[in-house]
Amino acid sequence: MKAFMKEFKEFIARGSVMDMAVGIIIGGAFTAIVTSLVNDIIMPLVSIITGGFDFTQLNVTLGTGDKAATLNYGAFITAIINFLIIAFVIFSIIKAINKLAKKKEEEPDPTTKECPYCKSEIPIEATKCPHCTSEVPLEEKEEAAETVQA
């Protein structure tokens, strides 16, 4: 039992377990936000589109009497609609976050270029290759910048 508890403590102390715990807590809070968005904003709009029809009331009574079982297929349809809306909202949010993250990862301007003669990598401002000593023509961008400065 002592070895089991030691192994359990090591498992809990790992960083990935803590990251997972934080993710679950944030996910729970995010679920509340998305559920509110769906129930309080989107579903009323869907209700307007469907003429105020409430799917949750759709059912089939199995048997007779007050305590007859019911097959509540309307609640199932509502759950499917909620799932699709929530999935779309989460997809949209993640797509926006990925787009913002991609903007941050833009490549900086190059600082080197390739010598057209020996194919060595040289500084972008170089006019003579230090490897083969050939005259290196300026890039089009550099030529345009020098023309503006002159």
N, C-alpha and C. Protein backbone atom coordinates (compact mmCIF):
# COMPACT_ATOMS: atom_id res chain seq x y z
N MET A 1 0.82 -1.19 0.00
CA MET A 1 0.00 0.00 0.00
C MET A 1 0.86 1.26 0.00
N LYS A 2 1.99 1.21 0.70
CA LYS A 2 2.89 2.35 0.79
C LYS A 2 3.49 2.67 -0.58
N ALA A 3 3.87 1.64 -1.32
CA ALA A 3 4.43 1.84 -2.66
C ALA A 3 3.37 2.42 -3.60
N PHE A 4 2.14 1.96 -3.44
CA PHE A 4 1.04 2.47 -4.26
C PHE A 4 0.85 3.96 -4.01
N MET A 5 0.83 4.39 -2.74
CA MET A 5 0.65 5.80 -2.40
C MET A 5 1.82 6.64 -2.92
N LYS A 6 3.04 6.11 -2.86
CA LYS A 6 4.20 6.84 -3.38
C LYS A 6 4.07 7.03 -4.88
N GLU A 7 3.67 5.98 -5.58
CA GLU A 7 3.48 6.07 -7.02
C GLU A 7 2.36 7.06 -7.37
N PHE A 8 1.31 7.05 -6.58
CA PHE A 8 0.19 7.98 -6.80
C PHE A 8 0.65 9.42 -6.60
N LYS A 9 1.43 9.71 -5.57
CA LYS A 9 1.96 11.06 -5.33
C LYS A 9 2.84 11.52 -6.50
N GLU A 10 3.68 10.63 -7.02
CA GLU A 10 4.52 10.98 -8.17
C GLU A 10 3.67 11.28 -9.40
N PHE A 11 2.61 10.52 -9.57
CA PHE A 11 1.70 10.74 -10.70
C PHE A 11 1.04 12.11 -10.61
N ILE A 12 0.54 12.46 -9.42
CA ILE A 12 -0.14 13.73 -9.21
C ILE A 12 0.83 14.90 -9.38
N ALA A 13 2.07 14.73 -8.98
CA ALA A 13 3.05 15.82 -9.01
C ALA A 13 3.54 16.14 -10.43
N ARG A 14 3.27 15.29 -11.39
CA ARG A 14 3.71 15.56 -12.76
C ARG A 14 3.05 16.81 -13.29
N GLY A 15 3.77 17.54 -14.13
CA GLY A 15 3.24 18.77 -14.71
C GLY A 15 2.04 18.53 -15.61
N SER A 16 2.04 17.43 -16.34
CA SER A 16 0.94 17.19 -17.28
C SER A 16 -0.38 16.97 -16.55
N VAL A 17 -0.34 16.38 -15.37
CA VAL A 17 -1.56 16.18 -14.60
C VAL A 17 -2.11 17.52 -14.13
N MET A 18 -1.23 18.40 -13.70
CA MET A 18 -1.66 19.73 -13.27
C MET A 18 -2.22 20.51 -14.45
N ASP A 19 -1.56 20.42 -15.61
CA ASP A 19 -2.07 21.09 -16.81
C ASP A 19 -3.45 20.58 -17.17
N MET A 20 -3.63 19.26 -17.06
CA MET A 20 -4.93 18.66 -17.36
C MET A 20 -5.99 19.16 -16.38
N ALA A 21 -5.64 19.27 -15.11
CA ALA A 21 -6.59 19.75 -14.10
C ALA A 21 -7.01 21.19 -14.40
N VAL A 22 -6.04 22.03 -14.73
CA VAL A 22 -6.36 23.42 -15.08
C VAL A 22 -7.25 23.45 -16.31
N GLY A 23 -6.95 22.61 -17.31
CA GLY A 23 -7.76 22.55 -18.52
C GLY A 23 -9.19 22.13 -18.24
N ILE A 24 -9.37 21.19 -17.34
CA ILE A 24 -10.72 20.73 -16.99
C ILE A 24 -11.49 21.83 -16.28
N ILE A 25 -10.83 22.54 -15.38
CA ILE A 25 -11.50 23.63 -14.65
C ILE A 25 -11.90 24.75 -15.63
N ILE A 26 -10.98 25.15 -16.49
CA ILE A 26 -11.29 26.18 -17.48
C ILE A 26 -12.36 25.68 -18.44
N GLY A 27 -12.29 24.41 -18.81
CA GLY A 27 -13.31 23.83 -19.68
C GLY A 27 -14.69 23.88 -19.05
N GLY A 28 -14.77 23.62 -17.76
CA GLY A 28 -16.06 23.70 -17.06
C GLY A 28 -16.61 25.12 -17.09
N ALA A 29 -15.75 26.09 -16.84
CA ALA A 29 -16.20 27.49 -16.88
C ALA A 29 -16.60 27.87 -18.31
N PHE A 30 -15.84 27.42 -19.28
CA PHE A 30 -16.14 27.72 -20.68
C PHE A 30 -17.45 27.06 -21.09
N THR A 31 -17.71 25.86 -20.58
CA THR A 31 -18.97 25.17 -20.88
C THR A 31 -20.16 25.99 -20.40
N ALA A 32 -20.04 26.60 -19.24
CA ALA A 32 -21.13 27.43 -18.72
C ALA A 32 -21.39 28.62 -19.64
N ILE A 33 -20.33 29.22 -20.15
CA ILE A 33 -20.47 30.36 -21.07
C ILE A 33 -21.14 29.93 -22.36
N VAL A 34 -20.65 28.84 -22.95
CA VAL A 34 -21.20 28.38 -24.22
C VAL A 34 -22.65 27.91 -24.04
N THR A 35 -22.94 27.23 -22.94
CA THR A 35 -24.32 26.79 -22.67
C THR A 35 -25.26 27.98 -22.56
N SER A 36 -24.81 29.03 -21.87
CA SER A 36 -25.62 30.24 -21.76
C SER A 36 -25.82 30.88 -23.14
N LEU A 37 -24.78 30.91 -23.94
CA LEU A 37 -24.90 31.46 -25.29
C LEU A 37 -25.95 30.70 -26.09
N VAL A 38 -25.88 29.38 -26.01
CA VAL A 38 -26.84 28.55 -26.75
C VAL A 38 -28.25 28.72 -26.20
N ASN A 39 -28.44 28.57 -24.88
CA ASN A 39 -29.78 28.59 -24.29
C ASN A 39 -30.41 29.99 -24.27
N ASP A 40 -29.60 31.02 -24.03
CA ASP A 40 -30.15 32.35 -23.83
C ASP A 40 -30.15 33.23 -25.07
N ILE A 41 -29.33 32.91 -26.05
CA ILE A 41 -29.25 33.76 -27.24
C ILE A 41 -29.62 33.01 -28.52
N ILE A 42 -28.98 31.87 -28.76
CA ILE A 42 -29.16 31.19 -30.04
C ILE A 42 -30.49 30.44 -30.10
N MET A 43 -30.84 29.69 -29.05
CA MET A 43 -32.09 28.92 -29.09
C MET A 43 -33.33 29.82 -29.22
N PRO A 44 -33.40 30.99 -28.57
CA PRO A 44 -34.55 31.87 -28.84
C PRO A 44 -34.62 32.30 -30.31
N LEU A 45 -33.46 32.51 -30.94
CA LEU A 45 -33.46 32.84 -32.36
C LEU A 45 -33.96 31.66 -33.20
N VAL A 46 -33.55 30.44 -32.82
CA VAL A 46 -34.03 29.24 -33.51
C VAL A 46 -35.54 29.12 -33.31
N SER A 47 -36.01 29.46 -32.12
CA SER A 47 -37.45 29.41 -31.83
C SER A 47 -38.22 30.38 -32.72
N ILE A 48 -37.66 31.57 -32.95
CA ILE A 48 -38.30 32.54 -33.86
C ILE A 48 -38.37 31.98 -35.27
N ILE A 49 -37.28 31.36 -35.71
CA ILE A 49 -37.22 30.80 -37.07
C ILE A 49 -38.24 29.67 -37.23
N THR A 50 -38.39 28.84 -36.19
CA THR A 50 -39.31 27.70 -36.28
C THR A 50 -40.73 28.07 -35.85
N GLY A 51 -41.00 29.35 -35.64
CA GLY A 51 -42.34 29.78 -35.27
C GLY A 51 -42.70 29.49 -33.83
N GLY A 52 -41.73 29.46 -32.94
CA GLY A 52 -41.99 29.23 -31.53
C GLY A 52 -42.18 27.76 -31.17
N PHE A 53 -41.84 26.87 -32.08
CA PHE A 53 -42.01 25.44 -31.85
C PHE A 53 -40.98 24.95 -30.84
N ASP A 54 -41.42 24.21 -29.84
CA ASP A 54 -40.54 23.68 -28.80
C ASP A 54 -40.38 22.18 -29.01
N PHE A 55 -39.19 21.78 -29.41
CA PHE A 55 -38.92 20.36 -29.68
C PHE A 55 -39.02 19.49 -28.43
N THR A 56 -38.74 20.08 -27.25
CA THR A 56 -38.68 19.26 -26.03
C THR A 56 -40.02 18.63 -25.68
N GLN A 57 -41.12 19.15 -26.21
CA GLN A 57 -42.44 18.61 -25.89
C GLN A 57 -42.80 17.40 -26.76
N LEU A 58 -42.02 17.11 -27.78
CA LEU A 58 -42.33 15.97 -28.66
C LEU A 58 -42.05 14.66 -27.93
N ASN A 59 -43.05 13.79 -27.89
CA ASN A 59 -42.86 12.49 -27.25
C ASN A 59 -43.91 11.50 -27.75
N VAL A 60 -43.65 10.27 -27.47
CA VAL A 60 -44.60 9.19 -27.76
C VAL A 60 -44.89 8.49 -26.44
N THR A 61 -46.17 8.35 -26.12
CA THR A 61 -46.56 7.69 -24.88
C THR A 61 -46.60 6.18 -25.12
N LEU A 62 -45.91 5.45 -24.28
CA LEU A 62 -45.84 3.99 -24.39
C LEU A 62 -46.72 3.39 -23.29
N GLY A 63 -47.92 3.08 -23.61
CA GLY A 63 -48.84 2.52 -22.63
C GLY A 63 -49.98 3.48 -22.35
N THR A 64 -50.72 3.20 -21.29
CA THR A 64 -51.86 4.03 -20.92
C THR A 64 -51.79 4.40 -19.45
N GLY A 65 -52.54 5.42 -19.09
CA GLY A 65 -52.59 5.83 -17.69
C GLY A 65 -51.66 6.99 -17.41
N ASP A 66 -51.73 7.47 -16.13
CA ASP A 66 -50.92 8.61 -15.73
C ASP A 66 -49.43 8.29 -15.65
N LYS A 67 -49.12 7.05 -15.33
CA LYS A 67 -47.71 6.68 -15.14
C LYS A 67 -47.14 5.94 -16.33
N ALA A 68 -47.73 6.16 -17.49
CA ALA A 68 -47.23 5.49 -18.70
C ALA A 68 -45.87 6.06 -19.08
N ALA A 69 -45.01 5.21 -19.56
CA ALA A 69 -43.68 5.64 -19.99
C ALA A 69 -43.79 6.46 -21.26
N THR A 70 -42.87 7.43 -21.40
CA THR A 70 -42.86 8.25 -22.61
C THR A 70 -41.50 8.17 -23.26
N LEU A 71 -41.51 8.18 -24.57
CA LEU A 71 -40.29 8.22 -25.36
C LEU A 71 -40.12 9.67 -25.80
N ASN A 72 -39.20 10.38 -25.15
CA ASN A 72 -39.04 11.82 -25.35
C ASN A 72 -38.04 12.11 -26.47
N TYR A 73 -38.45 11.87 -27.69
CA TYR A 73 -37.55 12.09 -28.81
C TYR A 73 -37.33 13.57 -29.07
N GLY A 74 -38.20 14.44 -28.62
CA GLY A 74 -38.02 15.89 -28.77
C GLY A 74 -36.83 16.39 -27.98
N ALA A 75 -36.65 15.86 -26.78
CA ALA A 75 -35.50 16.23 -25.95
C ALA A 75 -34.21 15.79 -26.63
N PHE A 76 -34.26 14.63 -27.30
CA PHE A 76 -33.10 14.14 -28.03
C PHE A 76 -32.78 15.06 -29.21
N ILE A 77 -33.81 15.49 -29.94
CA ILE A 77 -33.59 16.41 -31.06
C ILE A 77 -33.00 17.73 -30.55
N THR A 78 -33.51 18.22 -29.42
CA THR A 78 -32.98 19.46 -28.83
C THR A 78 -31.51 19.27 -28.43
N ALA A 79 -31.17 18.13 -27.87
CA ALA A 79 -29.78 17.86 -27.49
C ALA A 79 -28.87 17.84 -28.72
N ILE A 80 -29.35 17.27 -29.82
CA ILE A 80 -28.55 17.25 -31.05
C ILE A 80 -28.35 18.67 -31.57
N ILE A 81 -29.42 19.46 -31.58
CA ILE A 81 -29.31 20.85 -32.04
C ILE A 81 -28.33 21.62 -31.15
N ASN A 82 -28.46 21.46 -29.83
CA ASN A 82 -27.53 22.12 -28.91
C ASN A 82 -26.09 21.71 -29.18
N PHE A 83 -25.87 20.40 -29.39
CA PHE A 83 -24.53 19.91 -29.66
C PHE A 83 -23.96 20.56 -30.93
N LEU A 84 -24.75 20.59 -31.99
CA LEU A 84 -24.27 21.17 -33.25
C LEU A 84 -23.96 22.66 -33.10
N ILE A 85 -24.80 23.37 -32.37
CA ILE A 85 -24.55 24.80 -32.15
C ILE A 85 -23.30 25.00 -31.31
N ILE A 86 -23.17 24.24 -30.22
CA ILE A 86 -21.99 24.35 -29.36
C ILE A 86 -20.72 23.99 -30.14
N ALA A 87 -20.78 22.93 -30.93
CA ALA A 87 -19.61 22.53 -31.73
C ALA A 87 -19.24 23.64 -32.71
N PHE A 88 -20.23 24.28 -33.33
CA PHE A 88 -19.95 25.36 -34.27
C PHE A 88 -19.33 26.56 -33.55
N VAL A 89 -19.85 26.91 -32.37
CA VAL A 89 -19.31 28.04 -31.62
C VAL A 89 -17.86 27.76 -31.20
N ILE A 90 -17.61 26.58 -30.69
CA ILE A 90 -16.25 26.22 -30.29
C ILE A 90 -15.31 26.21 -31.49
N PHE A 91 -15.77 25.67 -32.62
CA PHE A 91 -14.97 25.67 -33.85
C PHE A 91 -14.62 27.10 -34.24
N SER A 92 -15.60 27.99 -34.20
CA SER A 92 -15.37 29.38 -34.59
C SER A 92 -14.37 30.06 -33.66
N ILE A 93 -14.50 29.82 -32.36
CA ILE A 93 -13.59 30.42 -31.40
C ILE A 93 -12.16 29.90 -31.60
N ILE A 94 -12.02 28.60 -31.76
CA ILE A 94 -10.68 28.02 -31.95
C ILE A 94 -10.07 28.49 -33.26
N LYS A 95 -10.90 28.61 -34.30
CA LYS A 95 -10.39 29.11 -35.58
C LYS A 95 -9.87 30.54 -35.43
N ALA A 96 -10.59 31.38 -34.69
CA ALA A 96 -10.16 32.76 -34.46
C ALA A 96 -8.86 32.79 -33.64
N ILE A 97 -8.77 31.94 -32.62
CA ILE A 97 -7.55 31.89 -31.80
C ILE A 97 -6.37 31.43 -32.64
N ASN A 98 -6.57 30.42 -33.48
CA ASN A 98 -5.49 29.94 -34.34
C ASN A 98 -5.05 31.01 -35.33
N LYS A 99 -6.00 31.79 -35.83
CA LYS A 99 -5.67 32.87 -36.77
C LYS A 99 -4.81 33.92 -36.08
N LEU A 100 -5.15 34.27 -34.82
CA LEU A 100 -4.36 35.23 -34.08
C LEU A 100 -2.97 34.68 -33.78
N ALA A 101 -2.90 33.40 -33.43
CA ALA A 101 -1.60 32.78 -33.13
C ALA A 101 -0.74 32.72 -34.39
N LYS A 102 -1.35 32.50 -35.54
CA LYS A 102 -0.61 32.42 -36.79
C LYS A 102 0.00 33.77 -37.15
N LYS A 103 -0.73 34.87 -36.85
CA LYS A 103 -0.21 36.20 -37.13
C LYS A 103 1.05 36.47 -36.32
N LYS A 104 1.08 35.96 -35.10
CA LYS A 104 2.25 36.16 -34.25
C LYS A 104 3.47 35.40 -34.76
N GLU A 105 3.23 34.32 -35.51
CA GLU A 105 4.31 33.47 -35.99
C GLU A 105 4.86 33.89 -37.35
N GLU A 106 4.47 35.08 -37.85
CA GLU A 106 4.95 35.51 -39.15
C GLU A 106 6.47 35.54 -39.16
N GLU A 107 7.02 35.14 -40.29
CA GLU A 107 8.47 35.07 -40.41
C GLU A 107 9.07 36.47 -40.52
N PRO A 108 10.20 36.70 -39.83
CA PRO A 108 10.85 38.00 -39.97
C PRO A 108 11.51 38.11 -41.35
N ASP A 109 11.85 39.33 -41.72
CA ASP A 109 12.52 39.52 -43.00
C ASP A 109 13.83 38.73 -43.01
N PRO A 110 14.19 38.18 -44.17
CA PRO A 110 15.43 37.39 -44.23
C PRO A 110 16.65 38.27 -44.02
N THR A 111 17.68 37.70 -43.39
CA THR A 111 18.93 38.43 -43.15
C THR A 111 20.05 37.91 -44.02
N THR A 112 19.79 36.80 -44.73
CA THR A 112 20.81 36.23 -45.61
C THR A 112 20.21 35.93 -46.98
N LYS A 113 21.10 35.75 -47.93
CA LYS A 113 20.70 35.35 -49.28
C LYS A 113 21.74 34.37 -49.79
N GLU A 114 21.46 33.79 -50.95
CA GLU A 114 22.36 32.80 -51.53
C GLU A 114 23.18 33.45 -52.63
N CYS A 115 24.48 33.20 -52.62
CA CYS A 115 25.35 33.67 -53.69
C CYS A 115 24.95 32.93 -54.97
N PRO A 116 24.68 33.66 -56.06
CA PRO A 116 24.25 32.98 -57.29
C PRO A 116 25.36 32.16 -57.95
N TYR A 117 26.61 32.36 -57.53
CA TYR A 117 27.73 31.66 -58.17
C TYR A 117 28.15 30.41 -57.39
N CYS A 118 28.43 30.57 -56.09
CA CYS A 118 28.90 29.42 -55.31
C CYS A 118 27.83 28.81 -54.43
N LYS A 119 26.66 29.43 -54.40
CA LYS A 119 25.50 28.95 -53.63
C LYS A 119 25.73 28.96 -52.12
N SER A 120 26.68 29.75 -51.64
CA SER A 120 26.91 29.91 -50.20
C SER A 120 25.92 30.92 -49.64
N GLU A 121 25.66 30.81 -48.35
CA GLU A 121 24.78 31.76 -47.70
C GLU A 121 25.59 32.96 -47.27
N ILE A 122 25.14 34.15 -47.68
CA ILE A 122 25.86 35.40 -47.39
C ILE A 122 24.89 36.42 -46.82
N PRO A 123 25.40 37.45 -46.13
CA PRO A 123 24.50 38.50 -45.62
C PRO A 123 23.72 39.16 -46.76
N ILE A 124 22.52 39.58 -46.48
CA ILE A 124 21.66 40.12 -47.51
C ILE A 124 22.20 41.43 -48.08
N GLU A 125 22.97 42.19 -47.29
CA GLU A 125 23.52 43.46 -47.76
C GLU A 125 24.80 43.29 -48.58
N ALA A 126 25.34 42.08 -48.62
CA ALA A 126 26.63 41.85 -49.28
C ALA A 126 26.56 42.14 -50.78
N THR A 127 27.62 42.80 -51.29
CA THR A 127 27.74 43.04 -52.73
C THR A 127 28.85 42.19 -53.33
N LYS A 128 29.64 41.55 -52.46
CA LYS A 128 30.71 40.66 -52.89
C LYS A 128 30.68 39.42 -52.00
N CYS A 129 30.76 38.25 -52.59
CA CYS A 129 30.70 37.01 -51.84
C CYS A 129 32.03 36.78 -51.12
N PRO A 130 32.03 36.56 -49.80
CA PRO A 130 33.27 36.32 -49.08
C PRO A 130 33.87 34.94 -49.37
N HIS A 131 33.08 34.05 -49.97
CA HIS A 131 33.56 32.70 -50.25
C HIS A 131 34.23 32.60 -51.61
N CYS A 132 33.58 33.11 -52.64
CA CYS A 132 34.12 32.98 -54.00
C CYS A 132 34.59 34.31 -54.57
N THR A 133 34.42 35.38 -53.83
CA THR A 133 34.81 36.76 -54.17
C THR A 133 34.14 37.29 -55.45
N SER A 134 33.03 36.72 -55.83
CA SER A 134 32.29 37.21 -57.00
C SER A 134 31.46 38.43 -56.62
N GLU A 135 31.24 39.30 -57.60
CA GLU A 135 30.33 40.42 -57.39
C GLU A 135 28.91 39.86 -57.35
N VAL A 136 28.19 40.20 -56.31
CA VAL A 136 26.83 39.70 -56.14
C VAL A 136 25.87 40.83 -56.50
N PRO A 137 24.98 40.59 -57.46
CA PRO A 137 24.01 41.64 -57.80
C PRO A 137 23.06 41.88 -56.65
N LEU A 138 22.62 43.12 -56.51
CA LEU A 138 21.67 43.47 -55.46
C LEU A 138 20.31 42.86 -55.77
N GLU A 139 19.59 42.54 -54.71
CA GLU A 139 18.22 42.04 -54.88
C GLU A 139 17.36 43.20 -55.35
N GLU A 140 16.21 42.90 -55.96
CA GLU A 140 15.31 43.93 -56.47
C GLU A 140 14.85 44.87 -55.37
N LYS A 141 14.56 44.36 -54.20
CA LYS A 141 14.12 45.19 -53.09
C LYS A 141 15.23 46.16 -52.68
N GLU A 142 16.46 45.64 -52.63
CA GLU A 142 17.59 46.47 -52.22
C GLU A 142 17.84 47.56 -53.25
N GLU A 143 17.73 47.23 -54.54
CA GLU A 143 17.94 48.22 -55.59
C GLU A 143 16.90 49.33 -55.49
N ALA A 144 15.67 48.97 -55.21
CA ALA A 144 14.61 49.96 -55.08
C ALA A 144 14.87 50.86 -53.88
N ALA A 145 15.34 50.30 -52.78
CA ALA A 145 15.64 51.08 -51.58
C ALA A 145 16.78 52.04 -51.84
N GLU A 146 17.85 51.60 -52.57
CA GLU A 146 18.99 52.46 -52.87
C GLU A 146 18.58 53.58 -53.81
N THR A 147 17.69 53.32 -54.76
CA THR A 147 17.22 54.35 -55.68
C THR A 147 16.47 55.42 -54.93
N VAL A 148 15.66 55.04 -53.93
CA VAL A 148 14.91 56.01 -53.14
C VAL A 148 15.85 56.85 -52.31
N GLN A 149 16.91 56.25 -51.74
CA GLN A 149 17.85 56.99 -50.90
C GLN A 149 18.70 57.98 -51.71
N ALA A 150 18.99 57.67 -52.97
CA ALA A 150 19.87 58.50 -53.80
C ALA A 150 19.25 59.79 -54.25
